[in-house]
Protein backbone atom coordinates (compact mmCIF):
# COMPACT_ATOMS: atom_id res chain seq x y z
CA UNK A 1 -11.43 4.33 -6.36
CA UNK A 2 -9.96 1.12 -4.97
CA UNK A 3 -6.42 1.37 -3.60
CA UNK A 4 -3.73 -1.02 -2.35
CA UNK A 5 -1.23 0.87 -0.16
CA UNK A 6 2.30 -0.57 -0.42
CA UNK A 7 4.02 -1.29 2.91
CA UNK A 8 6.88 1.20 2.45
CA UNK A 9 4.34 3.90 1.68
CA UNK A 10 2.34 3.09 4.85
CA UNK A 11 5.52 3.22 6.94
CA UNK A 12 6.43 6.60 5.43
CA UNK A 13 2.95 7.91 6.28
CA UNK A 14 3.38 6.87 9.91
CA UNK A 15 6.89 8.28 10.24
CA UNK A 16 6.63 11.73 8.61
CA UNK A 17 3.87 14.29 8.32
CA UNK A 18 3.90 14.92 4.58
CA UNK A 19 2.61 13.69 1.23
CA UNK A 20 2.29 10.02 2.26
CA UNK A 21 0.27 10.89 5.35
CA UNK A 22 -1.92 13.21 3.29
CA UNK A 23 -2.58 10.37 0.85
CA UNK A 24 -3.47 7.92 3.63
CA UNK A 25 -5.88 10.46 5.08
CA UNK A 26 -7.53 10.98 1.69
CA UNK A 27 -7.67 7.26 0.93
CA UNK A 28 -9.36 6.29 4.20
CA UNK A 29 -11.86 9.16 3.93
CA UNK A 30 -12.81 9.01 0.26
CA UNK A 31 -11.66 5.75 -1.32
CA UNK A 32 -11.75 2.03 -0.72
CA UNK A 33 -8.69 0.23 0.63
CA UNK A 34 -8.05 -3.28 -0.68
CA UNK A 35 -5.83 -5.65 1.31
CA UNK A 36 -4.94 -9.30 1.49
CA UNK A 37 -3.79 -11.36 4.45
CA UNK A 38 -0.17 -11.43 3.19
CA UNK A 39 -0.06 -7.63 2.87
CA UNK A 40 -1.52 -7.13 6.34
CA UNK A 41 1.01 -9.63 7.72
CA UNK A 42 3.83 -7.64 6.12
CA UNK A 43 2.52 -4.39 7.64
CA UNK A 44 2.43 -5.98 11.08
CA UNK A 45 5.87 -7.62 10.76
CA UNK A 46 7.46 -4.34 9.68
CA UNK A 47 5.81 -2.50 12.60
CA UNK A 48 7.56 -4.87 15.01
CA UNK A 49 11.06 -4.29 13.64
CA UNK A 50 13.44 -2.57 16.07
CA UNK A 51 13.96 0.36 13.69
CA UNK A 52 10.27 1.20 13.93
CA UNK A 53 10.33 1.60 17.73
CA UNK A 54 10.15 5.43 17.74
CA UNK A 55 7.13 5.36 15.40
CA UNK A 56 5.55 2.05 16.38
CA UNK A 57 2.43 3.46 18.05
CA UNK A 58 1.66 5.71 15.09
CA UNK A 59 2.37 2.90 12.64
CA UNK A 60 0.11 0.50 14.55
CA UNK A 61 -2.64 3.13 14.56
CA UNK A 62 -2.33 3.72 10.80
CA UNK A 63 -2.34 -0.04 10.14
CA UNK A 64 -5.37 -0.49 12.39
CA UNK A 65 -7.34 2.19 10.57
CA UNK A 66 -6.43 0.79 7.18
CA UNK A 67 -7.38 -2.72 8.29
CA UNK A 68 -10.66 -1.55 9.84
CA UNK A 69 -11.77 0.10 6.61
CA UNK A 70 -10.31 -2.34 4.11
CA UNK A 71 -11.92 -4.93 1.90
CA UNK A 72 -9.89 -8.13 2.08
CA UNK A 73 -9.37 -10.18 -1.07
CA UNK A 74 -7.48 -13.31 -2.00
CA UNK A 75 -4.52 -12.32 -4.22
CA UNK A 76 -4.94 -13.29 -7.86
CA UNK A 77 -2.88 -16.21 -9.16
CA UNK A 78 -0.70 -13.96 -11.31
CA UNK A 79 3.03 -13.40 -11.51
CA UNK A 80 4.49 -10.21 -12.93
CA UNK A 81 8.23 -10.97 -12.95
CA UNK A 82 9.22 -8.35 -10.41
CA UNK A 83 12.81 -8.01 -9.28
CA UNK A 84 11.70 -8.61 -5.67
CA UNK A 85 9.35 -11.63 -5.56
CA UNK A 86 7.96 -10.46 -2.19
CA UNK A 87 6.36 -7.50 -4.01
CA UNK A 88 4.34 -9.80 -6.29
CA UNK A 89 1.58 -10.06 -3.66
CA UNK A 90 0.91 -6.31 -3.87
CA UNK A 91 0.22 -6.55 -7.58
CA UNK A 92 -1.74 -9.79 -7.22
CA UNK A 93 -3.90 -8.19 -4.51
CA UNK A 94 -4.50 -5.07 -6.60
CA UNK A 95 -5.39 -7.23 -9.62
CA UNK A 96 -7.85 -9.29 -7.56
CA UNK A 97 -9.43 -6.19 -6.05
CA UNK A 98 -9.58 -4.05 -9.19
CA UNK A 99 -7.34 -1.50 -7.47
CA UNK A 100 -4.40 0.74 -8.18
CA UNK A 101 -1.18 0.28 -6.20
CA UNK A 102 0.17 3.32 -4.40
CA UNK A 103 3.90 3.12 -3.80
CA UNK A 104 6.97 5.27 -3.76
CA UNK A 105 9.08 2.19 -4.49
CA UNK A 106 10.08 2.99 -8.06
CA UNK A 107 13.05 0.63 -7.87
CA UNK A 108 10.88 -2.47 -7.60
CA UNK A 109 7.81 -1.06 -9.38
CA UNK A 110 9.55 0.63 -12.32
CA UNK A 111 6.69 0.37 -14.84
CA UNK A 112 3.53 2.52 -14.81
CA UNK A 113 1.39 -0.60 -15.22
CA UNK A 114 1.68 -4.33 -14.62
CA UNK A 115 -1.10 -6.19 -16.39
CA UNK A 116 -4.35 -4.65 -15.13
CA UNK A 117 -2.69 -2.78 -12.23
CA UNK A 118 -1.70 0.88 -12.48
CA UNK A 119 1.16 2.04 -10.27
CA UNK A 120 0.75 5.50 -8.78
CA UNK A 121 3.21 7.37 -6.60
CA UNK A 122 1.73 9.23 -3.62
CA UNK A 123 2.18 12.54 -5.49
CA UNK A 124 0.46 11.20 -8.62
CA UNK A 125 -2.45 10.01 -6.44
CA UNK A 126 -2.88 13.51 -4.96
CA UNK A 127 -2.63 15.17 -8.36
CA UNK A 128 -5.10 12.82 -10.06
CA UNK A 129 -7.67 12.85 -7.27
CA UNK A 130 -7.58 16.59 -6.53
């Protein structure tokens, strides 16, 4: 399965040992990560924020592993009408890469599907890939 990990989900995986970290571990071992340059840039920018200081090393490690294993695609030229325009690139990347989007951000990704892209929470990912 091809997967685009949303930035907030990646940060959660680096900060807390729980469901998000379990999903990252499963994704990098058994699935294919799909990224784009804008998504990777967002990961790196978020890692440098002052609030990430206590978890920065872990976050950088997680980002590095994801990047090392990922297939990089050019985001599709699609718009989905999201509330937060900055989140459009996640869907456009998933559409271009034939991937699902894993996110816990139900406020900005409130639908189960946007065009060809399915939205899965970390828990749904674990349940469906068990």
